[in-house]
Amino acid sequence: MTSAVPDRFEPIAALPVHPGLARVHAEGWQSWSVTDALPVTAVPYRATLANSLAMDCHYNEVPPEGVFQGEGVLALDPGDGGPVRVFGTERADTTVPRIRAELRPGNILEVSSDAPVQQLESTPGVPLQSALGAWADGFAARAGVTPERLRPAPTVWCSWYQYWSTVTEQDIIDNLGAMDEFRLPVEVVQIDDGYQAAPGDWLIPSDRFSDLPALLARIRDRGRRAGIWTAPMLVGLRSRLYAEHPDWVVTDPATGEPVFAGEAIGDRCTALDLTHPAAAEYLAGVFRTMRGWGVDYFKIDFIYAGAIEGRRYADVTGVEAYREGLRVIREAIGPDSYLLGCGAPQLPAAGFVDAMRVGPDIAAYWFAPSGHPSEPSQHNADRNVRARAWQHGRLWVNDPDCLMLRAEVERREDWAQTVAAYGGLRASSDGLRGLDPWGLEMTRRLLVPSPTRPLA
């Protein structure tokens, strides 16, 4: 079945603004979605590519040209020292309101929403980030996130940005040795994309991994924690999972075909139906098995797929299905495991994840060659990390993404400074023996636990 989603926007405020001073913060839907505070006269980015529509957009829809859209929260900073106005949802249990702002003639900013939202006004002179943080304090309390539940992130080494999806068992072993050789303070060794046969077939190894449980045991025997990456809400159409259980995926109500969840991880993907009892049990079994292998650090990626609207076993919204998937995973791995969300619809995940990626993937280049603002690049990641600093220490620990500090990385010094200032979760993703002296020393300096106190 499929549940209806709101499609009507009602005006909720009309605010006079100074066109040269005022800025609008529009919160993006998921980790990689564009988030920034822009001048009210700016033309906001609109997703148009199929992958962006599937990944970046609530309900796979975009606002009209020239209209700002915040997913669950939008704020207006007058820029003149006056009070910041925050429009935000009270909860994100069943859906996330879309909040729009459009500059009208006479320099009036008209704000509308497709569901009820709170309106909060800061004390005059309070910065935008602090006003958003004050709203987040209330949202976090309602979501069950308390300061006592926020745990500092462990320091991590991740295979992705050096070895990509062609990572081998030997690559992990070589870097495990380098950590000892260089005495790097790495707590978690996280095996990323490439160990699995296909998206969805998480317990079936690729031909580059002969014995994944034994490799994880080897990591633990060296005194480090074992971490692993999955994209648990995606199903590749070439996977064994889909071949054997085509009824476990979300379908388009009009065509009956699997919903499009993006070209990702080397396959055209659809979304796992997290409300289907057998699919949910399969998902729980994957994570219980990995926990039994000794994994206690889990990065779950591309999880926007869990919230895509469509026909499911149960008549629920995409947000409800997504939260059910998060509940299944958290229950399977237990409260002591550390859970990092990525590619994740932000607000509905509060209370489930320990840490959250808050920007696009980084890359060896500063600007994305395509110019696309949610594609991997240090510039795009830096923009989001700064714009979402208010989330850290309130909703979760912010993950800016990994350090890449090898010599061929553009502006590596700038990215190191961003991680130093905004990085709650600190992770290295270089082949450690390929680092030059500066890269190695900076990696050692930055691989330290950071506090969970708010940044703003």
Protein backbone atom coordinates (compact mmCIF):
# COMPACT_ATOMS: atom_id res chain seq x y z
CA MET A 1 0.00 0.00 0.00
CA THR A 2 1.05 3.63 -0.26
CA SER A 3 0.28 6.50 2.05
CA ALA A 4 -0.73 9.96 0.89
CA VAL A 5 1.72 12.81 1.40
CA PRO A 6 0.86 16.48 1.78
CA ASP A 7 0.87 18.58 -1.38
CA ARG A 8 -0.69 21.87 -0.34
CA PHE A 9 1.22 24.84 1.01
CA GLU A 10 -0.40 27.36 3.35
CA PRO A 11 1.06 30.83 4.05
CA ILE A 12 2.31 31.15 7.62
CA ALA A 13 4.24 34.45 7.65
CA ALA A 14 4.99 37.54 5.56
CA LEU A 15 8.12 39.29 6.76
CA PRO A 16 9.64 42.57 5.55
CA VAL A 17 13.32 42.05 4.73
CA HIS A 18 16.31 44.10 3.66
CA PRO A 19 17.33 42.64 0.27
CA GLY A 20 20.99 43.42 0.82
CA LEU A 21 21.29 42.04 4.33
CA ALA A 22 18.81 39.22 4.96
CA ARG A 23 19.75 35.57 4.49
CA VAL A 24 17.71 32.37 4.44
CA HIS A 25 18.91 29.06 5.87
CA ALA A 26 17.12 26.22 4.07
CA GLU A 27 17.81 22.78 5.52
CA GLY A 28 18.48 20.04 2.97
CA TRP A 29 16.63 16.72 3.00
CA GLN A 30 19.54 14.35 3.60
CA SER A 31 23.25 14.36 4.39
CA TRP A 32 24.43 15.31 0.89
CA SER A 33 21.61 17.73 0.04
CA VAL A 34 22.61 21.36 -0.41
CA THR A 35 22.32 23.29 2.85
CA ASP A 36 23.42 26.89 3.23
CA ALA A 37 22.39 30.37 4.33
CA LEU A 38 21.92 32.42 1.17
CA PRO A 39 20.93 36.02 0.49
CA VAL A 40 17.18 36.41 0.07
CA THR A 41 17.85 37.63 -3.48
CA ALA A 42 19.77 34.46 -4.44
CA VAL A 43 18.38 31.77 -6.73
CA PRO A 44 18.42 28.51 -4.73
CA TYR A 45 19.70 25.31 -6.30
CA ARG A 46 17.03 23.02 -7.80
CA ALA A 47 17.68 19.33 -8.42
CA THR A 48 16.90 18.23 -11.98
CA LEU A 49 18.91 15.05 -12.62
CA ALA A 50 17.21 11.71 -11.94
CA ASN A 51 19.76 10.68 -9.32
CA SER A 52 19.42 14.00 -7.51
CA LEU A 53 15.64 13.79 -7.54
CA ALA A 54 15.80 10.32 -5.98
CA MET A 55 18.50 11.15 -3.43
CA ASP A 56 18.29 14.82 -2.52
CA CYS A 57 14.58 15.62 -2.63
CA HIS A 58 11.77 15.01 -0.20
CA TYR A 59 9.03 13.18 -2.13
CA ASN A 60 11.27 13.39 -5.25
CA GLU A 61 9.92 16.89 -5.87
CA VAL A 62 11.55 20.30 -6.22
CA PRO A 63 10.18 23.73 -5.35
CA PRO A 64 9.42 26.27 -8.06
CA GLU A 65 12.24 28.35 -9.49
CA GLY A 66 13.50 30.99 -7.07
CA VAL A 67 11.84 29.45 -4.00
CA PHE A 68 13.81 28.36 -0.94
CA GLN A 69 12.75 25.05 0.60
CA GLY A 70 13.76 23.82 4.04
CA GLU A 71 13.14 20.21 4.97
CA GLY A 72 11.76 20.47 8.48
CA VAL A 73 13.45 23.77 9.33
CA LEU A 74 13.99 27.12 7.63
CA ALA A 75 15.35 30.29 9.23
CA LEU A 76 15.51 33.97 8.30
CA ASP A 77 18.45 36.07 9.49
CA PRO A 78 17.64 39.77 8.92
CA GLY A 79 21.36 40.55 8.83
CA ASP A 80 20.92 43.81 10.71
CA GLY A 81 21.16 42.49 14.26
CA GLY A 82 17.42 41.95 14.57
CA PRO A 83 15.89 38.68 15.76
CA VAL A 84 16.30 35.52 13.70
CA ARG A 85 13.02 33.80 12.85
CA VAL A 86 13.09 29.99 12.84
CA PHE A 87 10.30 27.93 11.33
CA GLY A 88 10.68 24.31 12.38
CA THR A 89 8.77 21.10 12.86
CA GLU A 90 7.98 19.90 16.36
CA ARG A 91 8.59 16.26 15.48
CA ALA A 92 9.66 14.11 12.53
CA ASP A 93 7.97 10.82 13.38
CA THR A 94 5.58 10.48 10.45
CA THR A 95 6.53 13.14 7.94
CA VAL A 96 8.79 16.16 7.58
CA PRO A 97 7.13 19.47 6.66
CA ARG A 98 8.45 21.29 3.64
CA ILE A 99 8.83 24.97 4.46
CA ARG A 100 9.15 27.43 1.60
CA ALA A 101 10.20 31.06 1.40
CA GLU A 102 9.85 33.36 -1.59
CA LEU A 103 10.78 37.01 -1.98
CA ARG A 104 7.71 38.96 -3.09
CA PRO A 105 7.39 42.51 -4.45
CA GLY A 106 8.01 45.16 -1.83
CA ASN A 107 10.79 43.07 -0.24
CA ILE A 108 8.37 40.82 1.60
CA LEU A 109 9.49 37.27 2.30
CA GLU A 110 6.47 35.00 2.20
CA VAL A 111 6.85 31.79 4.18
CA SER A 112 4.58 28.79 3.65
CA SER A 113 4.47 25.17 4.76
CA ASP A 114 2.67 21.98 3.84
CA ALA A 115 2.17 21.06 7.54
CA PRO A 116 2.08 22.90 10.88
CA VAL A 117 5.42 24.19 12.19
CA GLN A 118 6.68 26.14 15.16
CA GLN A 119 7.71 29.76 14.79
CA LEU A 120 10.50 30.87 17.10
CA GLU A 121 12.07 34.31 17.38
CA SER A 122 15.55 34.77 18.83
CA THR A 123 16.81 37.55 21.02
CA PRO A 124 18.06 40.42 18.82
CA GLY A 125 21.72 40.01 17.91
CA VAL A 126 21.80 36.21 18.33
CA PRO A 127 23.67 34.62 15.38
CA LEU A 128 21.80 32.40 12.94
CA GLN A 129 23.61 29.23 14.06
CA SER A 130 22.74 29.89 17.70
CA ALA A 131 19.08 30.49 16.84
CA LEU A 132 18.96 27.21 14.95
CA GLY A 133 20.66 25.54 17.91
CA ALA A 134 18.00 26.86 20.28
CA TRP A 135 15.30 25.36 18.05
CA ALA A 136 17.27 22.09 17.90
CA ASP A 137 17.41 21.88 21.70
CA GLY A 138 13.64 21.58 21.83
CA PHE A 139 13.45 19.22 18.85
CA ALA A 140 16.13 16.96 20.35
CA ALA A 141 14.33 16.76 23.69
CA ARG A 142 11.11 15.69 21.96
CA ALA A 143 13.08 13.10 19.95
CA GLY A 144 14.56 11.64 23.14
CA VAL A 145 18.10 12.89 22.53
CA THR A 146 19.65 14.07 25.78
CA PRO A 147 23.21 15.22 26.47
CA GLU A 148 23.74 12.00 28.43
CA ARG A 149 22.94 9.92 25.33
CA LEU A 150 25.47 11.71 23.13
CA ARG A 151 28.67 9.66 23.03
CA PRO A 152 31.98 10.95 21.66
CA ALA A 153 32.87 9.30 18.37
CA PRO A 154 35.83 6.91 18.24
CA THR A 155 38.73 7.73 15.94
CA VAL A 156 38.48 5.79 12.67
CA TRP A 157 40.44 4.62 9.67
CA CYS A 158 38.22 4.01 6.61
CA SER A 159 39.20 2.25 3.39
CA TRP A 160 37.00 4.18 0.96
CA TYR A 161 38.89 7.26 -0.26
CA GLN A 162 42.09 5.40 -1.02
CA TYR A 163 40.84 2.08 -2.37
CA TRP A 164 37.23 2.77 -3.39
CA SER A 165 35.13 -0.29 -4.29
CA THR A 166 38.19 -2.30 -5.39
CA VAL A 167 39.49 -2.61 -1.82
CA THR A 168 41.05 -5.96 -1.00
CA GLU A 169 41.59 -7.95 2.15
CA GLN A 170 45.33 -7.29 1.81
CA ASP A 171 44.74 -3.51 1.70
CA ILE A 172 43.12 -3.73 5.12
CA ILE A 173 45.91 -5.90 6.50
CA ASP A 174 48.62 -3.57 5.14
CA ASN A 175 47.07 -0.50 6.76
CA LEU A 176 46.47 -2.35 9.99
CA GLY A 177 50.22 -2.94 10.10
CA ALA A 178 50.93 0.72 9.28
CA MET A 179 48.79 1.88 12.21
CA ASP A 180 51.05 -0.09 14.53
CA GLU A 181 54.22 0.99 12.75
CA PHE A 182 53.33 4.71 12.92
CA ARG A 183 51.61 4.43 16.31
CA LEU A 184 48.49 6.12 15.03
CA PRO A 185 45.64 6.52 17.54
CA VAL A 186 43.05 4.67 15.41
CA GLU A 187 40.34 3.05 17.52
CA VAL A 188 38.14 1.65 14.69
CA VAL A 189 39.22 0.05 11.41
CA GLN A 190 36.22 0.41 9.11
CA ILE A 191 35.93 -1.74 5.98
CA ASP A 192 33.99 0.25 3.40
CA ASP A 193 32.20 -0.52 0.13
CA GLY A 194 33.81 -3.31 -1.89
CA TYR A 195 33.80 -6.27 0.48
CA GLN A 196 30.25 -7.31 -0.53
CA ALA A 197 29.04 -9.09 -3.67
CA ALA A 198 26.25 -6.59 -4.50
CA PRO A 199 24.02 -3.94 -2.89
CA GLY A 200 21.78 -5.99 -0.63
CA ASP A 201 24.02 -9.06 -0.49
CA TRP A 202 25.90 -7.89 2.58
CA LEU A 203 26.81 -11.32 3.90
CA ILE A 204 28.13 -12.59 0.56
CA PRO A 205 31.75 -11.48 0.06
CA SER A 206 33.25 -10.17 -3.15
CA ASP A 207 36.05 -12.20 -4.72
CA ARG A 208 38.61 -9.91 -3.05
CA PHE A 209 37.68 -11.07 0.47
CA SER A 210 38.25 -14.70 1.32
CA ASP A 211 37.12 -14.67 4.96
CA LEU A 212 35.50 -11.49 6.26
CA PRO A 213 34.83 -12.77 9.81
CA ALA A 214 38.48 -13.81 10.13
CA LEU A 215 39.64 -10.39 8.93
CA LEU A 216 37.41 -8.68 11.47
CA ALA A 217 38.81 -10.94 14.17
CA ARG A 218 42.33 -10.00 13.07
CA ILE A 219 41.48 -6.31 13.54
CA ARG A 220 40.22 -6.97 17.04
CA ASP A 221 43.21 -9.14 17.89
CA ARG A 222 45.41 -6.12 17.14
CA GLY A 223 43.61 -4.18 19.87
CA ARG A 224 41.36 -2.14 17.57
CA ARG A 225 37.61 -2.16 17.06
CA ALA A 226 36.04 -3.59 13.91
CA GLY A 227 33.82 -1.35 11.79
CA ILE A 228 31.87 -2.00 8.61
CA TRP A 229 29.94 -0.08 5.97
CA THR A 230 26.59 -1.07 4.51
CA ALA A 231 23.86 0.59 2.45
CA PRO A 232 21.10 -1.44 4.10
CA MET A 233 18.06 0.27 2.60
CA LEU A 234 19.21 -0.13 -1.01
CA VAL A 235 18.70 -3.23 -3.15
CA GLY A 236 20.65 -3.65 -6.38
CA LEU A 237 18.56 -4.99 -9.26
CA ARG A 238 21.40 -7.38 -10.09
CA SER A 239 21.68 -8.67 -6.52
CA ARG A 240 20.82 -12.15 -5.33
CA LEU A 241 18.51 -10.53 -2.79
CA TYR A 242 16.35 -9.00 -5.50
CA ALA A 243 16.43 -12.13 -7.66
CA GLU A 244 15.16 -14.26 -4.79
CA HIS A 245 12.79 -11.75 -3.16
CA PRO A 246 11.41 -9.22 -5.68
CA ASP A 247 8.40 -8.74 -3.39
CA TRP A 248 10.61 -7.20 -0.68
CA VAL A 249 11.05 -3.85 -2.43
CA VAL A 250 9.07 -0.62 -2.64
CA THR A 251 7.12 -0.26 -5.88
CA ASP A 252 5.63 2.56 -7.91
CA PRO A 253 1.85 2.60 -7.29
CA ALA A 254 1.17 3.56 -10.92
CA THR A 255 3.36 1.00 -12.68
CA GLY A 256 4.05 -1.70 -10.12
CA GLU A 257 7.75 -1.46 -10.98
CA PRO A 258 10.45 -1.08 -8.30
CA VAL A 259 10.92 2.55 -7.31
CA PHE A 260 14.09 4.18 -8.60
CA ALA A 261 16.50 4.79 -5.72
CA GLY A 262 19.51 5.88 -7.76
CA GLU A 263 22.42 4.57 -9.77
CA ALA A 264 24.67 3.64 -6.88
CA ILE A 265 27.34 1.15 -5.83
CA GLY A 266 27.73 -0.15 -9.36
CA ASP A 267 24.07 -0.99 -9.92
CA ARG A 268 20.67 0.47 -10.59
CA CYS A 269 19.02 0.34 -7.19
CA THR A 270 15.61 0.23 -5.63
CA ALA A 271 14.50 0.50 -1.99
CA LEU A 272 14.04 -2.29 0.52
CA ASP A 273 10.51 -2.38 1.96
CA LEU A 274 11.36 -1.97 5.62
CA THR A 275 7.74 -2.68 6.62
CA HIS A 276 7.69 -6.16 5.04
CA PRO A 277 8.10 -8.62 7.95
CA ALA A 278 10.40 -10.98 6.05
CA ALA A 279 12.51 -8.12 4.65
CA ALA A 280 12.80 -6.58 8.12
CA GLU A 281 13.89 -9.92 9.55
CA TYR A 282 16.48 -10.29 6.79
CA LEU A 283 17.83 -6.84 7.61
CA ALA A 284 17.93 -7.61 11.32
CA GLY A 285 19.69 -10.89 10.58
CA VAL A 286 22.42 -9.13 8.58
CA PHE A 287 23.22 -6.81 11.47
CA ARG A 288 22.93 -9.48 14.15
CA THR A 289 25.37 -11.60 12.15
CA MET A 290 27.85 -8.75 11.79
CA ARG A 291 27.54 -7.95 15.48
CA GLY A 292 28.26 -11.60 16.16
CA TRP A 293 31.43 -11.24 14.07
CA GLY A 294 32.62 -8.64 16.57
CA VAL A 295 31.66 -5.49 14.66
CA ASP A 296 30.57 -2.70 17.00
CA TYR A 297 30.90 0.32 14.67
CA PHE A 298 28.41 0.52 11.81
CA LYS A 299 28.25 3.10 9.03
CA ILE A 300 24.89 2.91 7.25
CA ASP A 301 24.90 4.76 3.93
CA PHE A 302 22.43 5.71 1.16
CA ILE A 303 19.64 5.39 3.70
CA TYR A 304 17.53 8.06 2.00
CA ALA A 305 16.19 5.01 0.11
CA GLY A 306 14.24 3.93 3.17
CA ALA A 307 12.12 7.09 3.04
CA ILE A 308 11.27 7.11 -0.69
CA GLU A 309 7.51 7.13 -1.15
CA GLY A 310 5.82 4.19 -2.85
CA ARG A 311 3.74 1.08 -2.32
CA ARG A 312 4.78 -0.94 0.72
CA TYR A 313 3.55 -3.92 2.69
CA ALA A 314 2.22 -1.51 5.33
CA ASP A 315 0.29 1.69 4.69
CA VAL A 316 2.80 4.16 6.10
CA THR A 317 4.66 7.23 4.94
CA GLY A 318 8.23 6.98 3.73
CA VAL A 319 9.42 8.67 6.93
CA GLU A 320 7.64 6.09 9.07
CA ALA A 321 9.18 3.25 7.04
CA TYR A 322 12.64 4.84 7.32
CA ARG A 323 12.36 5.14 11.08
CA GLU A 324 11.20 1.53 11.30
CA GLY A 325 14.35 0.49 9.43
CA LEU A 326 16.50 2.51 11.82
CA ARG A 327 14.72 0.89 14.75
CA VAL A 328 15.36 -2.60 13.35
CA ILE A 329 19.06 -1.84 12.86
CA ARG A 330 19.54 -0.25 16.27
CA GLU A 331 17.82 -3.15 17.99
CA ALA A 332 19.94 -5.69 16.07
CA ILE A 333 23.31 -4.07 16.86
CA GLY A 334 22.47 -3.20 20.45
CA PRO A 335 22.77 0.03 22.42
CA ASP A 336 26.53 -0.22 22.92
CA SER A 337 27.43 -0.26 19.20
CA TYR A 338 28.24 3.03 17.52
CA LEU A 339 25.94 3.93 14.60
CA LEU A 340 26.84 6.49 11.92
CA GLY A 341 24.21 7.63 9.42
CA CYS A 342 25.12 8.85 5.92
CA GLY A 343 23.08 9.78 2.87
CA ALA A 344 20.46 10.09 5.57
CA PRO A 345 17.26 12.13 5.89
CA GLN A 346 18.33 14.24 8.81
CA LEU A 347 15.62 15.04 11.33
CA PRO A 348 13.79 11.66 11.37
CA ALA A 349 17.08 9.95 12.36
CA ALA A 350 17.44 11.87 15.63
CA GLY A 351 17.42 9.43 18.53
CA PHE A 352 18.60 6.46 16.47
CA VAL A 353 22.11 7.39 15.27
CA ASP A 354 25.12 8.36 17.36
CA ALA A 355 26.76 10.35 14.57
CA MET A 356 25.54 11.82 11.30
CA ARG A 357 27.27 12.82 8.08
CA VAL A 358 26.26 16.43 7.50
CA GLY A 359 27.61 17.08 4.00
CA PRO A 360 28.43 15.54 0.63
CA ASP A 361 31.39 13.22 0.19
CA ILE A 362 34.78 14.84 -0.02
CA ALA A 363 37.15 14.30 -2.94
CA ALA A 364 40.74 14.94 -3.94
CA TYR A 365 39.60 18.20 -5.60
CA TRP A 366 38.18 21.36 -4.04
CA PHE A 367 35.42 22.05 -6.59
CA ALA A 368 33.28 19.34 -8.19
CA PRO A 369 34.21 19.16 -11.91
CA SER A 370 30.52 19.07 -12.84
CA GLY A 371 29.73 22.13 -10.73
CA HIS A 372 26.90 20.14 -9.11
CA PRO A 373 26.55 21.38 -5.50
CA SER A 374 25.74 18.03 -3.89
CA GLU A 375 28.38 15.96 -5.67
CA PRO A 376 31.62 14.99 -3.93
CA SER A 377 34.08 17.83 -3.41
CA GLN A 378 35.79 19.49 -0.50
CA HIS A 379 34.02 22.77 -1.27
CA ASN A 380 30.55 21.21 -1.16
CA ALA A 381 31.35 19.31 2.02
CA ASP A 382 32.83 22.42 3.65
CA ARG A 383 29.70 24.45 2.86
CA ASN A 384 27.34 21.96 4.50
CA VAL A 385 29.60 21.28 7.49
CA ARG A 386 29.61 24.97 8.37
CA ALA A 387 25.88 25.42 7.74
CA ARG A 388 24.98 22.45 9.94
CA ALA A 389 27.39 23.13 12.80
CA TRP A 390 24.36 23.81 15.06
CA GLN A 391 23.38 20.12 14.93
CA HIS A 392 26.55 18.88 16.65
CA GLY A 393 26.14 18.12 20.33
CA ARG A 394 22.37 18.48 20.08
CA LEU A 395 21.01 15.91 17.63
CA TRP A 396 24.15 13.74 17.31
CA VAL A 397 27.89 14.00 16.71
CA ASN A 398 28.54 15.68 13.36
CA ASP A 399 30.62 13.80 10.80
CA PRO A 400 32.23 16.21 8.30
CA ASP A 401 33.66 13.21 6.36
CA CYS A 402 37.13 11.72 6.32
CA LEU A 403 40.54 13.30 6.26
CA MET A 404 42.30 13.01 2.89
CA LEU A 405 45.78 14.36 3.49
CA ARG A 406 48.01 12.71 0.90
CA ALA A 407 50.12 15.05 -1.19
CA GLU A 408 48.01 14.93 -4.38
CA VAL A 409 44.86 16.23 -2.62
CA GLU A 410 44.04 19.83 -3.54
CA ARG A 411 43.95 22.30 -0.66
CA ARG A 412 44.45 19.53 1.87
CA GLU A 413 45.47 22.13 4.46
CA ASP A 414 42.07 23.84 4.14
CA TRP A 415 40.18 20.58 4.61
CA ALA A 416 42.32 19.71 7.64
CA GLN A 417 41.37 23.07 9.17
CA THR A 418 37.67 22.42 8.54
CA VAL A 419 37.87 19.03 10.25
CA ALA A 420 39.84 20.54 13.14
CA ALA A 421 37.16 23.18 13.67
CA TYR A 422 33.97 21.22 12.93
CA GLY A 423 34.84 17.54 13.09
CA GLY A 424 33.06 15.67 15.82
CA LEU A 425 33.86 12.35 14.16
CA ARG A 426 37.50 12.14 13.11
CA ALA A 427 38.41 9.57 10.45
CA SER A 428 41.39 9.04 8.15
CA SER A 429 40.91 7.57 4.68
CA ASP A 430 44.39 7.57 3.17
CA GLY A 431 46.65 4.64 2.42
CA LEU A 432 48.80 5.32 5.47
CA ARG A 433 52.15 4.36 3.98
CA GLY A 434 51.56 6.79 1.12
CA LEU A 435 51.38 9.85 3.37
CA ASP A 436 54.21 12.34 3.32
CA PRO A 437 55.58 13.66 6.66
CA TRP A 438 53.08 16.56 6.80
CA GLY A 439 50.13 14.30 6.01
CA LEU A 440 51.17 11.71 8.57
CA GLU A 441 51.77 14.25 11.32
CA MET A 442 48.48 16.08 10.63
CA THR A 443 46.61 12.76 10.62
CA ARG A 444 48.13 11.90 13.99
CA ARG A 445 47.29 15.36 15.35
CA LEU A 446 43.65 15.28 14.23
CA LEU A 447 42.83 11.68 15.16
CA VAL A 448 41.74 12.62 18.64
CA PRO A 449 38.28 12.35 20.19
CA SER A 450 36.43 15.64 20.12
CA PRO A 451 33.91 16.82 22.71
CA THR A 452 30.17 16.51 22.21
CA ARG A 453 29.40 20.01 23.42
CA PRO A 454 27.55 22.17 20.86
CA LEU A 455 29.63 24.13 18.35
CA ALA A 456 27.15 27.01 18.16
